Amino acid sequence: MGRFTCFLFASVVCATPALAEDLCRAEVNSTTLTIDRDALDAPHPGLRERAAGWAALGLDRVRGRPPACDSETLIAFLAREVPEDDLSGYCLLPDDLMGFLLVPGERTYRGRCARTACERVNTARDTAVGIAGTATDIAAGRAEGQSRTNAVLHASGAAILSGSAASIASSVGSSASGAVSAALAAPALAGTAAVSLVAVGGAVYLCSGDDDDEAEGTATPDVAPQPID
């Protein structure tokens, strides 16, 4: 697997010198980027993203910082700057904590998740560290009996466990908090072929696909797990 180019983690301008109005700001997996839009061949943002950006545009100008990038600009930048292995099979999901999450899933032409939805699990930072440790063990082949769970240590800093909810629950074992265990045991996931548990930036997300072809994925904040009958 390739690595994200070093300047992705430096929060600097990721292009040749540009006028301030050509720049935009994006956050992905808790990493802040400043992108020169004029250097990209990204299409214009959709109506929904442009409408959502109006409120912040004036405030950003007052603060003297670039406005937020739309998902098309961000995915175009990532496609140009990072190895294909770090982007193929991933999509962007808007999140109020991370800006955008880069998670497993099919993406639309705007770079957003076509069917994937993620729920932030209300749990402590230590749980995210434990999940990252489990992913490291599986990826390095040190964990036994975990063949049904796939692990990826993504170059963006995310640790991702994928498989059935039951196999992931078995893999994380005692490193999972009660909230994570309850979320994985939710009846809604019983018939889901594959889910992903994502630990990034000290937060934990549970992601699964949506069978509705018209659905566009979202990340929901700290939704309490449903009680199990």
Protein backbone atom coordinates (compact mmCIF):
# COMPACT_ATOMS: atom_id res chain seq x y z
CA MET A 1 0.00 0.00 0.00
CA GLY A 2 1.27 3.45 -0.82
CA ARG A 3 1.59 6.35 1.53
CA PHE A 4 -0.05 9.72 1.57
CA THR A 5 2.37 12.34 0.33
CA CYS A 6 4.06 14.00 3.31
CA PHE A 7 2.60 17.46 2.74
CA LEU A 8 -0.91 16.12 3.25
CA PHE A 9 -0.14 16.07 6.97
CA ALA A 10 1.51 19.47 7.08
CA SER A 11 -1.61 21.61 6.59
CA VAL A 12 0.15 23.69 3.94
CA VAL A 13 -0.75 24.85 0.46
CA CYS A 14 -0.66 21.75 -1.70
CA ALA A 15 0.22 23.38 -5.00
CA THR A 16 2.27 26.15 -6.56
CA PRO A 17 1.79 29.66 -5.11
CA ALA A 18 -1.74 30.83 -5.79
CA LEU A 19 -3.98 33.80 -5.19
CA ALA A 20 -6.00 33.58 -1.98
CA GLU A 21 -9.29 33.35 -3.90
CA ASP A 22 -8.03 30.22 -5.66
CA LEU A 23 -7.53 28.34 -2.39
CA CYS A 24 -9.94 26.24 -0.38
CA ARG A 25 -9.67 24.31 2.87
CA ALA A 26 -10.61 20.69 3.47
CA GLU A 27 -10.43 18.29 6.38
CA VAL A 28 -10.27 14.56 5.72
CA ASN A 29 -9.82 11.96 8.48
CA SER A 30 -8.92 14.86 10.83
CA THR A 31 -6.11 16.11 8.53
CA THR A 32 -6.39 19.72 7.33
CA LEU A 33 -5.46 20.50 3.72
CA THR A 34 -5.24 23.74 1.76
CA ILE A 35 -5.81 23.14 -1.95
CA ASP A 36 -5.25 25.32 -5.00
CA ARG A 37 -8.51 24.85 -6.92
CA ASP A 38 -7.12 26.61 -9.97
CA ALA A 39 -4.51 23.86 -10.39
CA LEU A 40 -7.14 21.11 -10.52
CA ASP A 41 -9.51 19.99 -13.23
CA ALA A 42 -12.31 19.43 -10.73
CA PRO A 43 -15.87 20.06 -11.97
CA HIS A 44 -17.91 22.81 -10.38
CA PRO A 45 -19.58 21.84 -7.08
CA GLY A 46 -23.19 20.75 -7.08
CA LEU A 47 -26.06 23.02 -6.07
CA ARG A 48 -26.42 21.42 -2.63
CA GLU A 49 -22.75 21.91 -1.74
CA ARG A 50 -22.75 25.47 -3.04
CA ALA A 51 -25.88 26.29 -1.05
CA ALA A 52 -24.43 24.76 2.11
CA GLY A 53 -21.27 26.79 1.70
CA TRP A 54 -22.92 30.23 1.53
CA ALA A 55 -23.28 30.64 5.29
CA ALA A 56 -19.64 29.87 5.98
CA LEU A 57 -18.27 31.80 3.00
CA GLY A 58 -18.72 35.27 4.49
CA LEU A 59 -17.43 34.16 7.89
CA ASP A 60 -14.35 32.55 6.36
CA ARG A 61 -13.54 35.74 4.47
CA VAL A 62 -13.83 37.78 7.67
CA ARG A 63 -11.48 35.35 9.40
CA GLY A 64 -9.05 35.55 6.51
CA ARG A 65 -9.03 31.82 5.84
CA PRO A 66 -9.93 29.92 2.66
CA PRO A 67 -13.53 28.70 2.28
CA ALA A 68 -14.30 24.99 2.56
CA CYS A 69 -13.58 22.77 -0.46
CA ASP A 70 -16.44 20.81 -2.00
CA SER A 71 -16.14 17.02 -2.29
CA GLU A 72 -15.33 17.12 -6.01
CA THR A 73 -12.31 19.35 -5.44
CA LEU A 74 -11.11 17.16 -2.58
CA ILE A 75 -11.47 13.86 -4.47
CA ALA A 76 -9.78 15.39 -7.54
CA PHE A 77 -6.87 16.50 -5.39
CA LEU A 78 -6.55 13.11 -3.69
CA ALA A 79 -6.75 11.30 -7.04
CA ARG A 80 -3.87 13.40 -8.31
CA GLU A 81 -1.67 13.36 -5.22
CA VAL A 82 -2.02 10.00 -3.43
CA PRO A 83 -1.36 6.43 -4.59
CA GLU A 84 -4.29 4.63 -6.22
CA ASP A 85 -4.30 1.98 -3.48
CA ASP A 86 -5.13 4.67 -0.92
CA LEU A 87 -8.19 5.84 -2.85
CA SER A 88 -9.58 2.91 -4.84
CA GLY A 89 -12.67 1.52 -3.12
CA TYR A 90 -13.04 4.55 -0.81
CA CYS A 91 -15.52 7.41 -0.70
CA LEU A 92 -15.98 10.72 1.13
CA LEU A 93 -18.56 11.08 3.86
CA PRO A 94 -19.27 14.54 5.38
CA ASP A 95 -18.86 14.58 9.17
CA ASP A 96 -19.12 17.47 11.63
CA LEU A 97 -16.07 16.26 13.58
CA MET A 98 -13.63 15.16 10.87
CA GLY A 99 -14.79 17.34 7.96
CA PHE A 100 -14.84 14.39 5.57
CA LEU A 101 -14.31 10.74 6.40
CA LEU A 102 -12.52 8.61 3.81
CA VAL A 103 -14.16 5.22 4.29
CA PRO A 104 -14.66 1.99 2.30
CA GLY A 105 -17.50 2.23 -0.19
CA GLU A 106 -18.64 3.03 -3.70
CA ARG A 107 -18.47 6.72 -4.55
CA THR A 108 -20.50 9.01 -6.79
CA TYR A 109 -18.92 11.16 -9.49
CA ARG A 110 -18.70 13.90 -6.85
CA GLY A 111 -16.56 11.65 -4.66
CA ARG A 112 -19.23 11.15 -1.99
CA CYS A 113 -20.34 7.76 -0.70
CA ALA A 114 -23.12 6.34 -2.84
CA ARG A 115 -24.45 3.77 -0.35
CA THR A 116 -22.28 3.85 2.75
CA ALA A 117 -23.57 5.38 5.97
CA CYS A 118 -21.52 5.73 9.16
CA GLU A 119 -22.54 6.24 12.76
CA ARG A 120 -20.14 7.74 15.27
CA VAL A 121 -20.04 5.51 18.33
CA ASN A 122 -20.07 7.35 21.65
CA THR A 123 -16.94 5.90 23.21
CA ALA A 124 -13.64 6.96 24.76
CA ARG A 125 -10.44 7.67 22.87
CA ASP A 126 -8.86 4.56 24.46
CA THR A 127 -11.32 2.41 22.53
CA ALA A 128 -10.11 3.89 19.23
CA VAL A 129 -6.54 3.13 20.27
CA GLY A 130 -7.52 -0.46 21.11
CA ILE A 131 -9.24 -0.95 17.74
CA ALA A 132 -6.17 0.43 15.97
CA GLY A 133 -4.06 -2.07 17.90
CA THR A 134 -6.31 -4.93 16.83
CA ALA A 135 -6.09 -3.79 13.20
CA THR A 136 -2.30 -3.66 13.48
CA ASP A 137 -2.15 -7.20 14.85
CA ILE A 138 -4.41 -8.60 12.12
CA ALA A 139 -2.63 -6.71 9.34
CA ALA A 140 0.73 -7.94 10.61
CA GLY A 141 -0.52 -11.52 10.91
CA ARG A 142 -0.02 -11.64 14.67
CA ALA A 143 -3.67 -12.35 15.51
CA GLU A 144 -4.85 -15.93 15.38
CA GLY A 145 -8.31 -17.04 14.29
CA GLN A 146 -9.15 -13.67 12.72
CA SER A 147 -9.34 -14.79 9.11
CA ARG A 148 -12.93 -13.57 8.70
CA THR A 149 -11.94 -9.99 9.56
CA ASN A 150 -9.94 -7.82 7.16
CA ALA A 151 -7.75 -5.03 8.52
CA VAL A 152 -6.36 -1.95 6.79
CA LEU A 153 -4.00 0.60 8.31
CA HIS A 154 -4.79 3.41 5.91
CA ALA A 155 -2.11 5.97 5.12
CA SER A 156 -4.51 8.76 6.15
CA GLY A 157 -4.26 7.54 9.74
CA ALA A 158 -7.45 5.48 9.89
CA ALA A 159 -7.50 1.90 11.18
CA ILE A 160 -10.29 -0.07 9.48
CA LEU A 161 -11.71 -3.48 10.37
CA SER A 162 -14.11 -4.99 7.81
CA GLY A 163 -16.21 -8.13 7.81
CA SER A 164 -19.46 -9.28 9.35
CA ALA A 165 -20.56 -7.57 12.56
CA ALA A 166 -20.05 -10.86 14.42
CA SER A 167 -16.52 -11.41 13.13
CA ILE A 168 -15.49 -7.84 14.00
CA ALA A 169 -16.98 -8.17 17.49
CA SER A 170 -14.98 -11.37 17.97
CA SER A 171 -11.80 -9.71 16.71
CA VAL A 172 -11.92 -6.62 18.91
CA GLY A 173 -12.95 -8.62 21.99
CA SER A 174 -12.12 -6.80 25.23
CA SER A 175 -10.68 -3.78 23.39
CA ALA A 176 -14.23 -2.74 22.45
CA SER A 177 -16.29 -0.61 24.81
CA GLY A 178 -19.85 -1.50 25.71
CA ALA A 179 -21.10 1.05 23.18
CA VAL A 180 -19.09 -0.55 20.34
CA SER A 181 -20.20 -4.05 21.34
CA ALA A 182 -23.84 -2.94 21.47
CA ALA A 183 -23.59 -1.21 18.10
CA LEU A 184 -22.11 -4.32 16.48
CA ALA A 185 -24.87 -6.46 18.01
CA ALA A 186 -27.68 -4.23 16.74
CA PRO A 187 -30.41 -6.23 14.97
CA ALA A 188 -30.19 -3.93 11.95
CA LEU A 189 -26.73 -5.33 11.17
CA ALA A 190 -27.73 -8.98 11.44
CA GLY A 191 -28.47 -9.30 7.72
CA THR A 192 -25.68 -7.00 6.54
CA ALA A 193 -23.00 -8.86 4.61
CA ALA A 194 -20.18 -6.51 5.51
CA VAL A 195 -19.63 -3.62 7.88
CA SER A 196 -16.56 -1.56 8.73
CA LEU A 197 -15.35 -0.32 12.09
CA VAL A 198 -13.21 2.77 11.57
CA ALA A 199 -10.95 4.30 14.22
CA VAL A 200 -9.54 7.71 13.27
CA GLY A 201 -8.58 10.84 15.15
CA GLY A 202 -9.57 9.31 18.49
CA ALA A 203 -13.14 8.62 17.27
CA VAL A 204 -14.84 5.37 16.25
CA TYR A 205 -17.35 4.97 13.41
CA LEU A 206 -19.47 1.99 12.43
CA CYS A 207 -20.15 1.97 8.69
CA SER A 208 -22.42 -0.20 6.57
CA GLY A 209 -23.84 -0.16 3.06
CA ASP A 210 -27.30 1.00 2.05
CA ASP A 211 -29.21 -1.05 -0.51
CA ASP A 212 -31.06 2.02 -1.77
CA ASP A 213 -29.45 3.04 -5.07
CA GLU A 214 -30.63 6.64 -4.57
CA ALA A 215 -29.20 6.98 -1.08
CA GLU A 216 -26.25 9.24 -0.39
CA GLY A 217 -24.28 8.31 2.67
CA THR A 218 -23.91 10.40 5.79
CA ALA A 219 -22.13 10.28 9.12
CA THR A 220 -24.38 10.69 12.14
CA PRO A 221 -23.01 12.00 15.45
CA ASP A 222 -23.04 9.96 18.63
CA VAL A 223 -26.23 8.02 18.02
CA ALA A 224 -27.03 5.88 21.02
CA PRO A 225 -27.15 2.15 20.26
CA GLN A 226 -30.63 0.70 20.07
CA PRO A 227 -31.62 -1.68 22.88
CA ILE A 228 -31.39 -5.35 22.03
CA ASP A 229 -34.46 -7.40 22.75
